[in-house]
Amino acid sequence: MPAAVTHSSPKFTPQYGKFLTPARELKVGDVFWHSVMIAPDDVAEPSSDTARDVRNNRRTRRLVVVVCTSPVLVLYLATFNRATKLPCTLKDHTVWYPVDEAETTAWAPPLQTEPMQRFAQWVNIRRLYAVSADSVPRIGGFHFPEEEVRKVTAALLLRLRAEYTRHGHGHWQ
C-alpha cells in the first residue's frame, strides 16, 4: 500500500515537472518559479522576450531564491543565455551576484548550489520581491546552502546602504 500523502507533502505538478510546496514550508535557499517585474536597466538584450515584457510593463516568470521565510522574500535569477560573463550592455554590474559557473566579479566570488545545472546564473540584488501565494512550484533538488544565501543578503544590504547614503539620507546605522 502506498504511503499516505499528508497536507504538507509536496504535490507533483507534471505540467511544470515541479513540486507544489506550501509557502509556509519554504526554507532559505529554496528555488521556485515566480513572476517578477524586471527593471529596464537589468535587460541585456533589447530584442529579447524579457525586454518586450519590460517595455510592456508585464511581469516575467523567473527562477527565484528564498532569502527570508517570514515573510517570504526572494531574489530572481538570470542566465543571459548561459553567459559566464555579464553582458557589457547591462548598465549596472553591481546588482548581479554570480552563481556556480559564472566568472568571479570584481567584488564577489560565485555562489555554490546543491546540485546545480552546471551553467552560469546570476542573482539580481536590485530589489527583494515578496511572495503572497499559499503554495509555489518549488524546483526539487535545486537549492542554495543557507551560508551562500547569507553572502547575497549581505551584498544586498551593502548595496541598499550605499543607495541610501548616495541619495543624501546621511549614514545608515
N, C-alpha and C. Protein backbone atom coordinates (compact mmCIF):
# COMPACT_ATOMS: atom_id res chain seq x y z
N MET A 1 0.85 -1.18 0.00
CA MET A 1 0.00 0.00 0.00
C MET A 1 0.90 1.24 0.00
N PRO A 2 0.66 2.22 -0.89
CA PRO A 2 1.49 3.42 -0.93
C PRO A 2 1.34 4.26 0.33
N ALA A 3 2.38 5.00 0.64
CA ALA A 3 2.35 5.88 1.81
C ALA A 3 1.31 6.97 1.59
N ALA A 4 0.68 7.36 2.69
CA ALA A 4 -0.34 8.42 2.61
C ALA A 4 0.33 9.76 2.34
N VAL A 5 -0.32 10.56 1.53
CA VAL A 5 0.17 11.91 1.26
C VAL A 5 -0.47 12.83 2.28
N THR A 6 0.35 13.53 3.05
CA THR A 6 -0.19 14.43 4.06
C THR A 6 -0.41 15.80 3.44
N HIS A 7 -1.11 16.67 4.15
CA HIS A 7 -1.39 18.02 3.68
C HIS A 7 -0.11 18.79 3.38
N SER A 8 0.94 18.50 4.14
CA SER A 8 2.19 19.25 3.96
C SER A 8 3.12 18.61 2.93
N SER A 9 2.73 17.46 2.37
CA SER A 9 3.57 16.83 1.35
C SER A 9 3.51 17.63 0.06
N PRO A 10 4.68 17.79 -0.61
CA PRO A 10 4.64 18.50 -1.89
C PRO A 10 3.81 17.71 -2.90
N LYS A 11 3.09 18.40 -3.74
CA LYS A 11 2.30 17.77 -4.80
C LYS A 11 3.05 17.95 -6.11
N PHE A 12 3.28 16.87 -6.82
CA PHE A 12 3.99 16.95 -8.09
C PHE A 12 3.07 17.50 -9.16
N THR A 13 3.54 18.49 -9.90
CA THR A 13 2.75 19.07 -10.98
C THR A 13 3.44 18.71 -12.29
N PRO A 14 2.92 17.69 -13.01
CA PRO A 14 3.60 17.21 -14.22
C PRO A 14 3.73 18.26 -15.31
N GLN A 15 2.79 19.23 -15.39
CA GLN A 15 2.89 20.23 -16.44
C GLN A 15 4.13 21.10 -16.26
N TYR A 16 4.63 21.24 -15.03
CA TYR A 16 5.84 22.01 -14.78
C TYR A 16 7.03 21.12 -14.41
N GLY A 17 6.76 19.86 -14.04
CA GLY A 17 7.83 18.97 -13.59
C GLY A 17 8.40 19.44 -12.27
N LYS A 18 7.56 20.07 -11.46
CA LYS A 18 7.99 20.64 -10.20
C LYS A 18 7.02 20.23 -9.10
N PHE A 19 7.38 20.54 -7.87
CA PHE A 19 6.55 20.21 -6.74
C PHE A 19 5.88 21.45 -6.19
N LEU A 20 4.57 21.37 -5.97
CA LEU A 20 3.85 22.46 -5.35
C LEU A 20 4.10 22.37 -3.85
N THR A 21 4.69 23.39 -3.28
CA THR A 21 5.07 23.39 -1.88
C THR A 21 4.36 24.52 -1.15
N PRO A 22 3.76 24.24 0.01
CA PRO A 22 3.15 25.33 0.78
C PRO A 22 4.21 26.38 1.12
N ALA A 23 3.88 27.65 0.96
CA ALA A 23 4.84 28.73 1.20
C ALA A 23 5.37 28.70 2.64
N ARG A 24 4.54 28.27 3.57
CA ARG A 24 4.97 28.23 4.98
C ARG A 24 6.08 27.20 5.22
N GLU A 25 6.28 26.27 4.26
CA GLU A 25 7.30 25.24 4.41
C GLU A 25 8.58 25.55 3.65
N LEU A 26 8.63 26.70 3.00
CA LEU A 26 9.85 27.07 2.28
C LEU A 26 10.99 27.33 3.26
N LYS A 27 12.19 27.07 2.79
CA LYS A 27 13.39 27.30 3.59
C LYS A 27 14.29 28.27 2.83
N VAL A 28 15.13 29.00 3.57
CA VAL A 28 16.10 29.87 2.93
C VAL A 28 16.94 29.02 1.98
N GLY A 29 17.07 29.48 0.74
CA GLY A 29 17.84 28.75 -0.27
C GLY A 29 16.99 27.96 -1.25
N ASP A 30 15.69 27.75 -0.93
CA ASP A 30 14.81 27.05 -1.87
C ASP A 30 14.66 27.87 -3.14
N VAL A 31 14.44 27.18 -4.25
CA VAL A 31 14.31 27.82 -5.56
C VAL A 31 12.96 27.43 -6.16
N PHE A 32 12.27 28.42 -6.71
CA PHE A 32 10.99 28.14 -7.37
C PHE A 32 10.72 29.20 -8.43
N TRP A 33 9.66 28.97 -9.23
CA TRP A 33 9.27 29.92 -10.27
C TRP A 33 8.35 30.97 -9.68
N HIS A 34 8.58 32.24 -10.09
CA HIS A 34 7.75 33.35 -9.61
C HIS A 34 7.77 34.45 -10.67
N SER A 35 6.70 35.20 -10.76
CA SER A 35 6.63 36.32 -11.71
C SER A 35 7.15 37.59 -11.04
N VAL A 36 8.08 38.26 -11.69
CA VAL A 36 8.70 39.47 -11.15
C VAL A 36 8.66 40.59 -12.18
N MET A 37 8.72 41.82 -11.69
CA MET A 37 8.84 43.00 -12.55
C MET A 37 10.33 43.31 -12.66
N ILE A 38 10.87 43.15 -13.84
CA ILE A 38 12.29 43.38 -14.06
C ILE A 38 12.52 44.85 -14.41
N ALA A 39 13.54 45.43 -13.81
CA ALA A 39 13.88 46.83 -14.07
C ALA A 39 14.45 46.97 -15.49
N PRO A 40 14.13 48.04 -16.19
CA PRO A 40 14.66 48.25 -17.54
C PRO A 40 16.19 48.19 -17.60
N ASP A 41 16.87 48.66 -16.57
CA ASP A 41 18.33 48.63 -16.55
C ASP A 41 18.90 47.21 -16.44
N ASP A 42 18.06 46.22 -16.13
CA ASP A 42 18.52 44.85 -15.96
C ASP A 42 18.31 43.99 -17.21
N VAL A 43 17.94 44.62 -18.31
CA VAL A 43 17.75 43.92 -19.57
C VAL A 43 19.03 44.02 -20.39
N ALA A 44 19.56 42.88 -20.80
CA ALA A 44 20.83 42.86 -21.54
C ALA A 44 20.64 42.90 -23.04
N GLU A 45 19.56 42.28 -23.53
CA GLU A 45 19.33 42.18 -24.97
C GLU A 45 18.02 42.86 -25.33
N PRO A 46 18.07 44.02 -25.97
CA PRO A 46 16.86 44.79 -26.26
C PRO A 46 15.82 44.06 -27.12
N SER A 47 16.22 43.05 -27.87
CA SER A 47 15.26 42.33 -28.73
C SER A 47 14.71 41.06 -28.08
N SER A 48 15.06 40.81 -26.83
CA SER A 48 14.62 39.56 -26.17
C SER A 48 13.16 39.63 -25.74
N ASP A 49 12.60 38.46 -25.43
CA ASP A 49 11.24 38.39 -24.89
C ASP A 49 11.15 39.14 -23.57
N THR A 50 12.20 39.04 -22.75
CA THR A 50 12.22 39.74 -21.48
C THR A 50 12.14 41.24 -21.71
N ALA A 51 12.91 41.76 -22.67
CA ALA A 51 12.88 43.20 -22.97
C ALA A 51 11.47 43.63 -23.40
N ARG A 52 10.82 42.79 -24.20
CA ARG A 52 9.45 43.10 -24.63
C ARG A 52 8.51 43.17 -23.43
N ASP A 53 8.64 42.21 -22.51
CA ASP A 53 7.81 42.22 -21.30
C ASP A 53 8.06 43.48 -20.48
N VAL A 54 9.32 43.87 -20.33
CA VAL A 54 9.66 45.06 -19.55
C VAL A 54 9.07 46.30 -20.21
N ARG A 55 9.23 46.42 -21.52
CA ARG A 55 8.66 47.58 -22.25
C ARG A 55 7.14 47.65 -22.10
N ASN A 56 6.48 46.50 -22.05
CA ASN A 56 5.02 46.44 -21.92
C ASN A 56 4.55 46.39 -20.46
N ASN A 57 5.50 46.62 -19.54
CA ASN A 57 5.19 46.66 -18.11
C ASN A 57 4.51 45.37 -17.63
N ARG A 58 5.03 44.23 -18.11
CA ARG A 58 4.49 42.92 -17.72
C ARG A 58 5.49 42.18 -16.83
N ARG A 59 4.93 41.37 -15.95
CA ARG A 59 5.77 40.50 -15.11
C ARG A 59 6.40 39.42 -15.97
N THR A 60 7.57 38.97 -15.55
CA THR A 60 8.31 37.92 -16.25
C THR A 60 8.55 36.77 -15.28
N ARG A 61 8.31 35.56 -15.75
CA ARG A 61 8.50 34.37 -14.92
C ARG A 61 9.98 34.05 -14.83
N ARG A 62 10.49 33.97 -13.61
CA ARG A 62 11.90 33.71 -13.36
C ARG A 62 12.05 32.74 -12.20
N LEU A 63 13.18 32.04 -12.21
CA LEU A 63 13.54 31.29 -11.01
C LEU A 63 13.93 32.30 -9.95
N VAL A 64 13.51 32.04 -8.71
CA VAL A 64 13.86 32.91 -7.60
C VAL A 64 14.42 32.07 -6.47
N VAL A 65 15.19 32.71 -5.60
CA VAL A 65 15.76 32.03 -4.44
C VAL A 65 15.22 32.72 -3.18
N VAL A 66 14.81 31.91 -2.20
CA VAL A 66 14.27 32.42 -0.95
C VAL A 66 15.42 32.95 -0.09
N VAL A 67 15.30 34.22 0.35
CA VAL A 67 16.31 34.80 1.24
C VAL A 67 15.75 35.05 2.63
N CYS A 68 14.42 34.99 2.78
CA CYS A 68 13.76 35.18 4.07
C CYS A 68 12.45 34.40 4.01
N THR A 69 12.06 33.79 5.14
CA THR A 69 10.85 32.95 5.12
C THR A 69 9.65 33.57 5.82
N SER A 70 9.83 34.61 6.59
CA SER A 70 8.69 35.20 7.29
C SER A 70 8.83 36.71 7.34
N PRO A 71 8.30 37.42 6.37
CA PRO A 71 7.55 36.97 5.20
C PRO A 71 8.48 36.35 4.17
N VAL A 72 7.89 35.66 3.17
CA VAL A 72 8.70 35.04 2.13
C VAL A 72 9.20 36.16 1.19
N LEU A 73 10.53 36.34 1.16
CA LEU A 73 11.16 37.32 0.29
C LEU A 73 12.14 36.59 -0.61
N VAL A 74 12.19 37.00 -1.88
CA VAL A 74 13.02 36.30 -2.86
C VAL A 74 13.80 37.29 -3.72
N LEU A 75 14.83 36.77 -4.38
CA LEU A 75 15.60 37.48 -5.40
C LEU A 75 15.54 36.61 -6.65
N TYR A 76 15.52 37.24 -7.83
CA TYR A 76 15.41 36.43 -9.05
C TYR A 76 16.77 36.13 -9.67
N LEU A 77 16.78 35.06 -10.49
CA LEU A 77 17.99 34.63 -11.18
C LEU A 77 17.84 34.86 -12.68
N ALA A 78 18.98 35.07 -13.33
CA ALA A 78 19.00 35.22 -14.79
C ALA A 78 20.21 34.44 -15.32
N THR A 79 20.13 34.02 -16.58
CA THR A 79 21.25 33.28 -17.19
C THR A 79 21.98 34.05 -18.27
N PHE A 80 21.30 35.05 -18.86
CA PHE A 80 21.88 35.78 -20.00
C PHE A 80 22.39 34.80 -21.05
N ASN A 81 21.51 33.86 -21.42
CA ASN A 81 21.86 32.82 -22.40
C ASN A 81 23.09 32.03 -22.00
N ARG A 82 23.16 31.73 -20.71
CA ARG A 82 24.24 30.91 -20.14
C ARG A 82 25.62 31.55 -20.24
N ALA A 83 25.66 32.87 -20.31
CA ALA A 83 26.93 33.59 -20.39
C ALA A 83 27.68 33.47 -19.06
N THR A 84 28.98 33.25 -19.14
CA THR A 84 29.78 33.17 -17.93
C THR A 84 30.25 34.55 -17.47
N LYS A 85 30.15 35.54 -18.37
CA LYS A 85 30.46 36.93 -18.03
C LYS A 85 29.19 37.75 -18.19
N LEU A 86 29.07 38.78 -17.36
CA LEU A 86 27.91 39.66 -17.50
C LEU A 86 27.99 40.41 -18.83
N PRO A 87 26.88 40.52 -19.53
CA PRO A 87 26.88 41.27 -20.80
C PRO A 87 27.28 42.73 -20.58
N CYS A 88 28.07 43.26 -21.48
CA CYS A 88 28.52 44.65 -21.35
C CYS A 88 27.37 45.64 -21.56
N THR A 89 26.24 45.17 -22.09
CA THR A 89 25.09 46.05 -22.33
C THR A 89 24.33 46.38 -21.05
N LEU A 90 24.62 45.67 -19.95
CA LEU A 90 23.95 45.98 -18.69
C LEU A 90 24.49 47.29 -18.14
N LYS A 91 23.60 48.11 -17.59
CA LYS A 91 24.01 49.43 -17.10
C LYS A 91 24.71 49.38 -15.75
N ASP A 92 24.37 48.39 -14.91
CA ASP A 92 24.95 48.32 -13.57
C ASP A 92 25.31 46.88 -13.22
N HIS A 93 26.58 46.57 -13.26
CA HIS A 93 27.03 45.21 -12.96
C HIS A 93 27.00 44.92 -11.46
N THR A 94 26.90 45.95 -10.62
CA THR A 94 26.93 45.72 -9.17
C THR A 94 25.63 45.15 -8.63
N VAL A 95 24.58 45.05 -9.45
CA VAL A 95 23.33 44.46 -8.97
C VAL A 95 23.24 42.97 -9.30
N TRP A 96 24.32 42.40 -9.81
CA TRP A 96 24.33 40.98 -10.19
C TRP A 96 25.36 40.22 -9.38
N TYR A 97 24.93 39.13 -8.74
CA TYR A 97 25.82 38.29 -7.95
C TYR A 97 26.00 36.96 -8.71
N PRO A 98 27.25 36.54 -8.98
CA PRO A 98 27.47 35.33 -9.78
C PRO A 98 27.14 34.04 -9.04
N VAL A 99 26.72 33.02 -9.80
CA VAL A 99 26.40 31.70 -9.26
C VAL A 99 27.18 30.64 -10.03
N ASP A 100 27.73 29.67 -9.30
CA ASP A 100 28.40 28.50 -9.85
C ASP A 100 29.36 28.77 -11.01
N GLU A 101 28.95 28.49 -12.24
CA GLU A 101 29.86 28.56 -13.38
C GLU A 101 30.17 29.98 -13.86
N ALA A 102 29.49 30.97 -13.30
CA ALA A 102 29.76 32.36 -13.68
C ALA A 102 31.13 32.78 -13.18
N GLU A 103 31.78 33.68 -13.91
CA GLU A 103 33.10 34.16 -13.50
C GLU A 103 32.99 35.05 -12.28
N THR A 104 34.05 35.01 -11.48
CA THR A 104 34.14 35.89 -10.33
C THR A 104 34.10 37.33 -10.80
N THR A 105 33.29 38.15 -10.11
CA THR A 105 33.27 39.57 -10.44
C THR A 105 34.32 40.26 -9.59
N ALA A 106 34.49 41.55 -9.79
CA ALA A 106 35.48 42.31 -9.03
C ALA A 106 35.17 42.30 -7.54
N TRP A 107 33.92 42.05 -7.18
CA TRP A 107 33.55 42.14 -5.77
C TRP A 107 32.92 40.88 -5.19
N ALA A 108 32.74 39.82 -5.99
CA ALA A 108 32.08 38.64 -5.45
C ALA A 108 32.49 37.35 -6.15
N PRO A 109 32.87 36.32 -5.37
CA PRO A 109 33.10 35.00 -5.96
C PRO A 109 31.75 34.32 -6.20
N PRO A 110 31.67 33.37 -7.15
CA PRO A 110 30.38 32.72 -7.44
C PRO A 110 29.84 31.93 -6.25
N LEU A 111 28.52 31.98 -6.07
CA LEU A 111 27.85 31.18 -5.06
C LEU A 111 27.82 29.73 -5.52
N GLN A 112 27.78 28.82 -4.57
CA GLN A 112 27.67 27.40 -4.88
C GLN A 112 26.27 26.93 -4.56
N THR A 113 25.73 26.02 -5.38
CA THR A 113 24.41 25.46 -5.14
C THR A 113 24.52 23.96 -4.99
N GLU A 114 23.44 23.34 -4.54
CA GLU A 114 23.41 21.89 -4.32
C GLU A 114 22.23 21.27 -5.05
N PRO A 115 22.37 20.44 -5.99
CA PRO A 115 23.36 20.49 -7.08
C PRO A 115 22.95 21.58 -8.05
N MET A 116 23.77 21.83 -9.02
CA MET A 116 23.49 22.91 -9.97
C MET A 116 23.41 22.33 -11.36
N GLN A 117 22.77 23.04 -12.26
CA GLN A 117 22.61 22.57 -13.63
C GLN A 117 23.89 22.76 -14.43
N ARG A 118 24.89 23.29 -13.84
CA ARG A 118 26.21 23.49 -14.45
C ARG A 118 26.21 24.45 -15.62
N PHE A 119 25.50 25.55 -15.44
CA PHE A 119 25.68 26.67 -16.34
C PHE A 119 25.55 27.94 -15.50
N ALA A 120 26.16 28.99 -16.00
CA ALA A 120 26.23 30.23 -15.25
C ALA A 120 24.85 30.82 -15.01
N GLN A 121 24.66 31.34 -13.82
CA GLN A 121 23.47 32.10 -13.49
C GLN A 121 23.91 33.29 -12.65
N TRP A 122 23.01 34.23 -12.51
CA TRP A 122 23.28 35.46 -11.78
C TRP A 122 22.07 35.79 -10.91
N VAL A 123 22.31 36.19 -9.65
CA VAL A 123 21.24 36.62 -8.76
C VAL A 123 21.16 38.14 -8.84
N ASN A 124 19.96 38.65 -9.08
CA ASN A 124 19.77 40.09 -9.14
C ASN A 124 19.50 40.61 -7.73
N ILE A 125 20.31 41.59 -7.27
CA ILE A 125 20.13 42.12 -5.92
C ILE A 125 19.61 43.57 -5.94
N ARG A 126 18.98 43.96 -7.04
CA ARG A 126 18.43 45.32 -7.11
C ARG A 126 17.29 45.51 -6.10
N ARG A 127 16.42 44.49 -5.98
CA ARG A 127 15.30 44.61 -5.04
C ARG A 127 14.81 43.24 -4.62
N LEU A 128 14.16 43.20 -3.47
CA LEU A 128 13.52 41.99 -2.96
C LEU A 128 12.09 41.93 -3.47
N TYR A 129 11.59 40.73 -3.67
CA TYR A 129 10.20 40.52 -4.08
C TYR A 129 9.50 39.73 -2.98
N ALA A 130 8.33 40.20 -2.57
CA ALA A 130 7.52 39.49 -1.58
C ALA A 130 6.63 38.47 -2.30
N VAL A 131 6.46 37.33 -1.68
CA VAL A 131 5.62 36.27 -2.25
C VAL A 131 4.39 36.12 -1.36
N SER A 132 3.23 36.26 -1.95
CA SER A 132 1.99 36.17 -1.17
C SER A 132 1.20 34.89 -1.45
N ALA A 133 1.67 34.06 -2.38
CA ALA A 133 0.97 32.82 -2.73
C ALA A 133 0.98 31.83 -1.56
N ASP A 134 -0.07 31.01 -1.48
CA ASP A 134 -0.14 29.98 -0.45
C ASP A 134 0.79 28.82 -0.74
N SER A 135 1.02 28.54 -2.03
CA SER A 135 1.95 27.47 -2.42
C SER A 135 2.68 27.91 -3.68
N VAL A 136 3.86 27.33 -3.88
CA VAL A 136 4.71 27.72 -5.01
C VAL A 136 5.28 26.48 -5.69
N PRO A 137 5.59 26.56 -7.00
CA PRO A 137 6.18 25.43 -7.73
C PRO A 137 7.69 25.35 -7.49
N ARG A 138 8.07 24.72 -6.37
CA ARG A 138 9.48 24.61 -5.98
C ARG A 138 10.21 23.63 -6.89
N ILE A 139 11.46 23.94 -7.18
CA ILE A 139 12.29 23.07 -8.01
C ILE A 139 12.98 22.07 -7.09
N GLY A 140 12.64 20.80 -7.20
CA GLY A 140 13.25 19.78 -6.35
C GLY A 140 14.71 19.57 -6.69
N GLY A 141 15.54 19.41 -5.68
CA GLY A 141 16.96 19.12 -5.87
C GLY A 141 17.79 20.30 -6.33
N PHE A 142 17.25 21.49 -6.25
CA PHE A 142 17.97 22.69 -6.67
C PHE A 142 17.87 23.66 -5.51
N HIS A 143 18.96 23.83 -4.79
CA HIS A 143 18.92 24.57 -3.53
C HIS A 143 20.23 25.30 -3.30
N PHE A 144 20.15 26.48 -2.73
CA PHE A 144 21.35 27.21 -2.30
C PHE A 144 21.56 26.93 -0.82
N PRO A 145 22.78 26.57 -0.40
CA PRO A 145 23.03 26.42 1.03
C PRO A 145 22.79 27.77 1.74
N GLU A 146 22.30 27.72 2.96
CA GLU A 146 21.96 28.95 3.68
C GLU A 146 23.15 29.89 3.83
N GLU A 147 24.35 29.34 4.02
CA GLU A 147 25.53 30.22 4.16
C GLU A 147 25.84 30.97 2.86
N GLU A 148 25.50 30.37 1.72
CA GLU A 148 25.68 31.05 0.44
C GLU A 148 24.65 32.17 0.28
N VAL A 149 23.42 31.91 0.72
CA VAL A 149 22.37 32.93 0.64
C VAL A 149 22.73 34.13 1.52
N ARG A 150 23.38 33.88 2.65
CA ARG A 150 23.81 34.98 3.53
C ARG A 150 24.76 35.92 2.81
N LYS A 151 25.60 35.39 1.91
CA LYS A 151 26.52 36.24 1.14
C LYS A 151 25.74 37.19 0.24
N VAL A 152 24.71 36.68 -0.40
CA VAL A 152 23.88 37.51 -1.28
C VAL A 152 23.13 38.55 -0.45
N THR A 153 22.59 38.14 0.68
CA THR A 153 21.87 39.07 1.55
C THR A 153 22.79 40.19 2.03
N ALA A 154 24.03 39.85 2.39
CA ALA A 154 24.99 40.86 2.82
C ALA A 154 25.29 41.84 1.68
N ALA A 155 25.44 41.32 0.46
CA ALA A 155 25.69 42.19 -0.70
C ALA A 155 24.48 43.10 -0.95
N LEU A 156 23.28 42.57 -0.80
CA LEU A 156 22.07 43.37 -0.97
C LEU A 156 22.02 44.51 0.06
N LEU A 157 22.32 44.19 1.31
CA LEU A 157 22.30 45.22 2.35
C LEU A 157 23.36 46.29 2.10
N LEU A 158 24.55 45.90 1.67
CA LEU A 158 25.59 46.88 1.34
C LEU A 158 25.13 47.79 0.20
N ARG A 159 24.50 47.21 -0.80
CA ARG A 159 24.01 47.99 -1.93
C ARG A 159 22.94 48.97 -1.49
N LEU A 160 21.99 48.51 -0.66
CA LEU A 160 20.93 49.39 -0.17
C LEU A 160 21.50 50.51 0.69
N ARG A 161 22.50 50.18 1.50
CA ARG A 161 23.15 51.19 2.35
C ARG A 161 23.81 52.26 1.48
N ALA A 162 24.49 51.85 0.43
CA ALA A 162 25.15 52.79 -0.48
C ALA A 162 24.11 53.69 -1.17
N GLU A 163 23.00 53.10 -1.61
CA GLU A 163 21.93 53.87 -2.25
C GLU A 163 21.35 54.90 -1.28
N TYR A 164 21.11 54.47 -0.06
CA TYR A 164 20.54 55.34 0.98
C TYR A 164 21.45 56.54 1.22
N THR A 165 22.73 56.29 1.36
CA THR A 165 23.71 57.34 1.62
C THR A 165 23.87 58.24 0.40
N ARG A 166 23.90 57.65 -0.80
CA ARG A 166 24.09 58.41 -2.03
C ARG A 166 22.95 59.41 -2.26
N HIS A 167 21.76 59.09 -1.80
CA HIS A 167 20.61 59.96 -2.00
C HIS A 167 20.46 61.00 -0.89
N GLY A 168 21.54 61.21 -0.12
CA GLY A 168 21.56 62.29 0.86
C GLY A 168 20.82 62.02 2.14
N HIS A 169 20.63 60.77 2.51
CA HIS A 169 19.92 60.45 3.74
C HIS A 169 20.86 60.29 4.93
N GLY A 170 22.11 60.69 4.78
CA GLY A 170 23.05 60.53 5.88
C GLY A 170 23.56 59.12 5.96
N HIS A 171 24.00 58.73 7.14
CA HIS A 171 24.54 57.38 7.33
C HIS A 171 23.46 56.46 7.86
N TRP A 172 23.51 55.24 7.37
CA TRP A 172 22.57 54.20 7.78
C TRP A 172 23.16 53.47 8.95
N GLN A 173 22.49 53.46 10.05
CA GLN A 173 23.02 52.81 11.26
C GLN A 173 22.75 51.33 11.25
